[in-house]
Amino acid sequence: MLAIATSAALLTGCQNTHGINTDLAISSGLNAYKAATLSDADAKAIANQGCVEMDSGNKVASKSSKYGKRLAKIAKALGNNINGTPVNYKV
């Protein structure tokens, strides 16, 4: 992945890239490197942040609502723990 990022960086100095978008190439290389080096803790932190943002901007049904009750049945079948991480289902 580092080779991709380095190659993309080197392309920025080329004047004749035959239609290659060098900014896109650099961005793609860096994104690939970030994805390859993303830890489990980083992924959990990003997911948790997304959940907090979604919950703060959307109405969450109560557990006693018809949606909450239906979700409880589905969640029971899915379980409340995934690889040691507690799961909090919401609708």
Protein backbone atom coordinates (compact mmCIF):
# COMPACT_ATOMS: atom_id res chain seq x y z
CA MET A 1 0.00 0.00 0.00
CA LEU A 2 2.87 2.32 0.74
CA ALA A 3 4.08 1.71 -2.81
CA ILE A 4 0.72 2.89 -4.15
CA ALA A 5 0.83 6.05 -2.08
CA THR A 6 4.44 6.70 -3.13
CA SER A 7 3.63 6.14 -6.80
CA ALA A 8 0.69 8.49 -6.56
CA ALA A 9 2.87 11.12 -4.92
CA LEU A 10 5.50 10.78 -7.63
CA LEU A 11 2.87 11.35 -10.31
CA THR A 12 2.30 14.87 -9.05
CA GLY A 13 5.61 15.93 -10.60
CA CYS A 14 4.78 14.56 -14.05
CA GLN A 15 3.54 17.11 -16.54
CA ASN A 16 2.42 14.58 -19.13
CA THR A 17 0.23 12.07 -17.31
CA HIS A 18 -1.97 11.28 -20.35
CA GLY A 19 -5.25 12.28 -18.72
CA ILE A 20 -4.60 10.78 -15.29
CA ASN A 21 -6.14 12.84 -12.51
CA THR A 22 -3.14 13.02 -10.17
CA ASP A 23 -5.16 14.42 -7.27
CA LEU A 24 -7.50 11.46 -7.53
CA ALA A 25 -4.57 9.05 -7.78
CA ILE A 26 -2.97 10.51 -4.66
CA SER A 27 -6.24 10.46 -2.77
CA SER A 28 -6.91 6.85 -3.80
CA GLY A 29 -3.45 5.77 -2.73
CA LEU A 30 -3.74 7.45 0.64
CA ASN A 31 -7.24 6.07 1.22
CA ALA A 32 -6.02 2.56 0.40
CA TYR A 33 -3.14 2.96 2.85
CA LYS A 34 -5.49 4.22 5.58
CA ALA A 35 -7.88 1.32 4.99
CA ALA A 36 -5.06 -1.21 5.15
CA THR A 37 -3.77 0.20 8.43
CA LEU A 38 -7.16 0.71 10.13
CA SER A 39 -7.21 -1.09 13.47
CA ASP A 40 -10.22 -2.78 15.05
CA ALA A 41 -10.26 -0.05 17.70
CA ASP A 42 -10.29 2.64 14.99
CA ALA A 43 -13.18 0.91 13.20
CA LYS A 44 -15.17 0.66 16.45
CA ALA A 45 -14.53 4.32 17.27
CA ILE A 46 -15.70 5.40 13.81
CA ALA A 47 -18.82 3.21 14.06
CA ASN A 48 -19.62 4.51 17.56
CA GLN A 49 -19.25 8.11 16.39
CA GLY A 50 -21.60 7.42 13.49
CA CYS A 51 -24.18 5.87 15.81
CA VAL A 52 -24.06 8.85 18.17
CA GLU A 53 -24.56 11.24 15.25
CA MET A 54 -27.44 9.20 13.82
CA ASP A 55 -29.13 8.87 17.22
CA SER A 56 -28.84 12.61 17.91
CA GLY A 57 -30.35 13.57 14.55
CA ASN A 58 -33.15 11.01 14.37
CA LYS A 59 -36.07 10.04 16.55
CA VAL A 60 -35.50 6.67 18.23
CA ALA A 61 -38.59 4.56 18.94
CA SER A 62 -39.23 3.58 22.54
CA LYS A 63 -38.89 -0.05 23.57
CA SER A 64 -42.64 -0.17 24.25
CA SER A 65 -43.61 1.02 20.74
CA LYS A 66 -44.71 -1.51 18.12
CA TYR A 67 -41.36 -0.97 16.34
CA GLY A 68 -39.41 -1.43 19.56
CA LYS A 69 -41.26 -4.65 20.34
CA ARG A 70 -40.70 -6.00 16.83
CA LEU A 71 -37.02 -5.10 17.01
CA ALA A 72 -36.72 -6.84 20.39
CA LYS A 73 -37.90 -10.10 18.79
CA ILE A 74 -35.41 -9.76 15.94
CA ALA A 75 -32.59 -8.75 18.28
CA LYS A 76 -33.25 -11.77 20.49
CA ALA A 77 -32.59 -14.04 17.51
CA LEU A 78 -29.45 -12.09 16.52
CA GLY A 79 -27.97 -11.91 20.01
CA ASN A 80 -26.71 -9.00 22.07
CA ASN A 81 -22.98 -9.54 21.72
CA ILE A 82 -20.78 -9.72 18.63
CA ASN A 83 -17.21 -10.90 19.18
CA GLY A 84 -17.19 -9.49 22.71
CA THR A 85 -18.80 -6.19 21.75
CA PRO A 86 -22.22 -5.44 23.23
CA VAL A 87 -24.87 -4.59 20.64
CA ASN A 88 -27.51 -1.92 21.19
CA TYR A 89 -30.25 -2.22 18.57
CA LYS A 90 -32.44 0.82 17.87
CA VAL A 91 -35.19 1.67 15.44
